[in-house]
Amino acid sequence: MDDAEATAQIFVKLIPMMAKDGITTLAQINEKGNLSPGIIKKLPTYHGIILAKNNVGRMNLYRL
């Protein structure tokens, strides 16, 4: 449930950003995200592990 809520909050913040780029429909979102496997493999990757000490820390991570 927490993951779904965090995802929804991110999406709500992305809507105005996409509107600035002229993206207003789901078809446009899908088209923008449609990359070939070759391009995806060339993108830089990032990895990180973040641990929470307790529930307060877990909630703070979700706020990030």
Protein backbone atom coordinates (compact mmCIF):
# COMPACT_ATOMS: atom_id res chain seq x y z
CA MET A 1 0.00 0.00 0.00
CA ASP A 2 2.82 2.41 0.84
CA ASP A 3 4.47 1.83 -2.56
CA ALA A 4 1.24 2.58 -4.39
CA GLU A 5 0.77 5.79 -2.43
CA ALA A 6 4.33 6.92 -3.14
CA THR A 7 3.89 6.13 -6.85
CA ALA A 8 0.64 8.11 -6.97
CA GLN A 9 2.29 11.11 -5.29
CA ILE A 10 5.14 11.04 -7.82
CA PHE A 11 2.66 10.83 -10.71
CA VAL A 12 0.66 13.79 -9.37
CA LYS A 13 3.86 15.87 -9.31
CA LEU A 14 4.83 14.75 -12.81
CA ILE A 15 1.54 15.85 -14.41
CA PRO A 16 2.40 19.59 -14.40
CA MET A 17 5.93 18.83 -15.62
CA MET A 18 4.57 16.83 -18.55
CA ALA A 19 2.02 19.53 -19.35
CA LYS A 20 4.88 22.05 -19.73
CA ASP A 21 6.31 19.76 -22.43
CA GLY A 22 2.94 19.57 -24.18
CA ILE A 23 2.20 16.01 -23.03
CA THR A 24 -1.48 15.81 -22.15
CA THR A 25 -2.68 12.31 -23.08
CA LEU A 26 -1.75 8.76 -22.11
CA ALA A 27 -0.84 8.02 -25.72
CA GLN A 28 1.73 10.83 -25.62
CA ILE A 29 3.14 9.51 -22.33
CA ASN A 30 3.48 6.03 -23.82
CA GLU A 31 5.09 7.40 -27.00
CA LYS A 32 7.60 9.43 -24.96
CA GLY A 33 8.55 6.38 -22.91
CA ASN A 34 8.81 4.00 -25.87
CA LEU A 35 12.58 3.46 -26.19
CA SER A 36 14.33 0.71 -28.07
CA PRO A 37 16.20 -1.91 -26.01
CA GLY A 38 19.48 -0.68 -27.52
CA ILE A 39 18.91 2.86 -26.26
CA ILE A 40 17.89 1.61 -22.82
CA LYS A 41 21.09 -0.44 -22.52
CA LYS A 42 23.18 2.67 -23.25
CA LEU A 43 21.56 4.79 -20.54
CA PRO A 44 23.59 5.33 -17.34
CA THR A 45 22.59 3.22 -14.37
CA TYR A 46 22.48 4.19 -10.73
CA HIS A 47 22.28 1.97 -7.71
CA GLY A 48 21.74 2.77 -4.10
CA ILE A 49 20.68 1.03 -0.95
CA ILE A 50 18.90 3.06 1.69
CA LEU A 51 18.02 1.50 5.02
CA ALA A 52 15.52 2.83 7.53
CA LYS A 53 16.22 2.39 11.23
CA ASN A 54 12.54 2.46 12.26
CA ASN A 55 9.04 3.40 11.05
CA VAL A 56 9.82 7.10 11.35
CA GLY A 57 12.82 6.65 9.06
CA ARG A 58 10.72 4.59 6.64
CA MET A 59 8.12 7.33 6.44
CA ASN A 60 10.84 9.95 5.90
CA LEU A 61 12.18 7.88 2.99
CA TYR A 62 8.74 7.90 1.40
CA ARG A 63 8.66 11.69 1.73
CA LEU A 64 11.83 11.94 -0.34
